[in-house]
Amino acid sequence: MTPVNFACHLGEGGIDLGVTVDEGVPPGYDGVIQRVPNDPPGALRYQIEWTSGGGVCCFNSVAEAKAAYQYANFFVIE
């Protein structure tokens, strides 16, 4: 995963544009563990997105998410 940001300055104001590409769960994995999008500052919660669709939220750490589904093979995005 590579973050890419584009920034434009328009006159006296500014606009920040961001692009996010979500390719889903990579082949060979049961799910992805990643931070909860748009979490408030300071909140470090994680969610699981499953290959079969759907997801589970909210875990306080990657280790907690892995422990809840110990037999699943996860791709982790931190």
C-alpha atoms as a PDB file:
ATOM      1  CA  MET A   1       0.000   0.000   0.000  1.00  0.00           C
ATOM      2  CA  THR A   2       1.382   3.388  -1.000  1.00  0.00           C
ATOM      3  CA  PRO A   3      -0.228   6.637   0.135  1.00  0.00           C
ATOM      4  CA  VAL A   4      -0.561   9.203  -2.664  1.00  0.00           C
ATOM      5  CA  ASN A   5      -1.745  12.760  -2.012  1.00  0.00           C
ATOM      6  CA  PHE A   6      -2.468  15.538  -4.485  1.00  0.00           C
ATOM      7  CA  ALA A   7      -2.646  19.177  -3.367  1.00  0.00           C
ATOM      8  CA  CYS A   8      -3.945  22.163  -5.329  1.00  0.00           C
ATOM      9  CA  HIS A   9      -3.805  25.823  -4.411  1.00  0.00           C
ATOM     10  CA  LEU A  10      -6.548  28.010  -5.811  1.00  0.00           C
ATOM     11  CA  GLY A  11      -5.979  31.742  -5.337  1.00  0.00           C
ATOM     12  CA  GLU A  12      -6.267  32.716  -1.691  1.00  0.00           C
ATOM     13  CA  GLY A  13      -7.937  29.450  -0.712  1.00  0.00           C
ATOM     14  CA  GLY A  14      -6.718  25.921  -0.938  1.00  0.00           C
ATOM     15  CA  ILE A  15      -8.054  22.500  -1.654  1.00  0.00           C
ATOM     16  CA  ASP A  16      -6.548  19.223  -0.481  1.00  0.00           C
ATOM     17  CA  LEU A  17      -7.414  16.201  -2.571  1.00  0.00           C
ATOM     18  CA  GLY A  18      -6.754  12.628  -1.506  1.00  0.00           C
ATOM     19  CA  VAL A  19      -7.113   9.410  -3.456  1.00  0.00           C
ATOM     20  CA  THR A  20      -7.675   6.025  -1.845  1.00  0.00           C
ATOM     21  CA  VAL A  21      -7.572   2.774  -3.763  1.00  0.00           C
ATOM     22  CA  ASP A  22      -9.122  -0.208  -2.053  1.00  0.00           C
ATOM     23  CA  GLU A  23      -8.324  -3.423  -3.865  1.00  0.00           C
ATOM     24  CA  GLY A  24     -10.076  -5.573  -1.278  1.00  0.00           C
ATOM     25  CA  VAL A  25      -8.540  -8.641   0.287  1.00  0.00           C
ATOM     26  CA  PRO A  26      -5.401  -9.902  -1.489  1.00  0.00           C
ATOM     27  CA  PRO A  27      -5.490 -13.466  -2.867  1.00  0.00           C
ATOM     28  CA  GLY A  28      -4.507 -16.125  -0.329  1.00  0.00           C
ATOM     29  CA  TYR A  29      -5.865 -14.264   2.711  1.00  0.00           C
ATOM     30  CA  ASP A  30      -9.121 -14.729   4.629  1.00  0.00           C
ATOM     31  CA  GLY A  31      -9.402 -11.052   5.476  1.00  0.00           C
ATOM     32  CA  VAL A  32      -7.726  -7.699   6.013  1.00  0.00           C
ATOM     33  CA  ILE A  33      -7.157  -6.037   9.380  1.00  0.00           C
ATOM     34  CA  GLN A  34      -6.945  -2.257   9.110  1.00  0.00           C
ATOM     35  CA  ARG A  35      -7.632   0.918  11.078  1.00  0.00           C
ATOM     36  CA  VAL A  36     -11.224   2.074  11.205  1.00  0.00           C
ATOM     37  CA  PRO A  37     -11.606   4.815   8.585  1.00  0.00           C
ATOM     38  CA  ASN A  38     -12.503   8.294   9.851  1.00  0.00           C
ATOM     39  CA  ASP A  39     -11.840   7.348  13.469  1.00  0.00           C
ATOM     40  CA  PRO A  40     -11.575  10.389  15.739  1.00  0.00           C
ATOM     41  CA  PRO A  41      -8.019  11.578  16.474  1.00  0.00           C
ATOM     42  CA  GLY A  42      -6.359   9.421  19.095  1.00  0.00           C
ATOM     43  CA  ALA A  43      -8.678   6.470  18.558  1.00  0.00           C
ATOM     44  CA  LEU A  44      -6.766   3.393  17.484  1.00  0.00           C
ATOM     45  CA  ARG A  45      -9.473   0.925  16.547  1.00  0.00           C
ATOM     46  CA  TYR A  46      -9.180  -1.824  13.974  1.00  0.00           C
ATOM     47  CA  GLN A  47     -11.672  -3.664  11.814  1.00  0.00           C
ATOM     48  CA  ILE A  48     -11.671  -6.852   9.758  1.00  0.00           C
ATOM     49  CA  GLU A  49     -12.834  -6.994   6.143  1.00  0.00           C
ATOM     50  CA  TRP A  50     -13.555 -10.567   5.022  1.00  0.00           C
ATOM     51  CA  THR A  51     -12.873 -12.067   1.588  1.00  0.00           C
ATOM     52  CA  SER A  52     -16.477 -13.288   1.487  1.00  0.00           C
ATOM     53  CA  GLY A  53     -17.761  -9.775   2.185  1.00  0.00           C
ATOM     54  CA  GLY A  54     -18.823  -8.018   5.323  1.00  0.00           C
ATOM     55  CA  GLY A  55     -16.673  -7.146   8.259  1.00  0.00           C
ATOM     56  CA  VAL A  56     -16.251  -6.982  11.999  1.00  0.00           C
ATOM     57  CA  CYS A  57     -15.531  -3.883  14.072  1.00  0.00           C
ATOM     58  CA  CYS A  58     -14.042  -2.730  16.497  1.00  0.00           C
ATOM     59  CA  PHE A  59     -10.853  -4.063  18.045  1.00  0.00           C
ATOM     60  CA  ASN A  60      -8.367  -2.101  20.157  1.00  0.00           C
ATOM     61  CA  SER A  61      -5.335  -3.680  18.493  1.00  0.00           C
ATOM     62  CA  VAL A  62      -4.254  -5.954  15.663  1.00  0.00           C
ATOM     63  CA  ALA A  63      -3.383  -8.609  18.256  1.00  0.00           C
ATOM     64  CA  GLU A  64      -6.931  -8.486  19.668  1.00  0.00           C
ATOM     65  CA  ALA A  65      -8.425  -8.920  16.178  1.00  0.00           C
ATOM     66  CA  LYS A  66      -6.108 -11.851  15.410  1.00  0.00           C
ATOM     67  CA  ALA A  67      -6.904 -13.495  18.751  1.00  0.00           C
ATOM     68  CA  ALA A  68     -10.644 -13.296  18.057  1.00  0.00           C
ATOM     69  CA  TYR A  69     -10.170 -15.236  14.797  1.00  0.00           C
ATOM     70  CA  GLN A  70      -7.024 -17.230  15.514  1.00  0.00           C
ATOM     71  CA  TYR A  71      -7.441 -19.638  12.586  1.00  0.00           C
ATOM     72  CA  ALA A  72      -7.832 -16.943   9.930  1.00  0.00           C
ATOM     73  CA  ASN A  73      -4.974 -15.799   7.702  1.00  0.00           C
ATOM     74  CA  PHE A  74      -4.940 -11.980   7.734  1.00  0.00           C
ATOM     75  CA  PHE A  75      -3.269  -9.322   5.656  1.00  0.00           C
ATOM     76  CA  VAL A  76      -2.538  -6.414   8.042  1.00  0.00           C
ATOM     77  CA  ILE A  77      -2.555  -2.759   7.013  1.00  0.00           C
ATOM     78  CA  GLU A  78      -1.256  -0.437   9.764  1.00  0.00           C
END
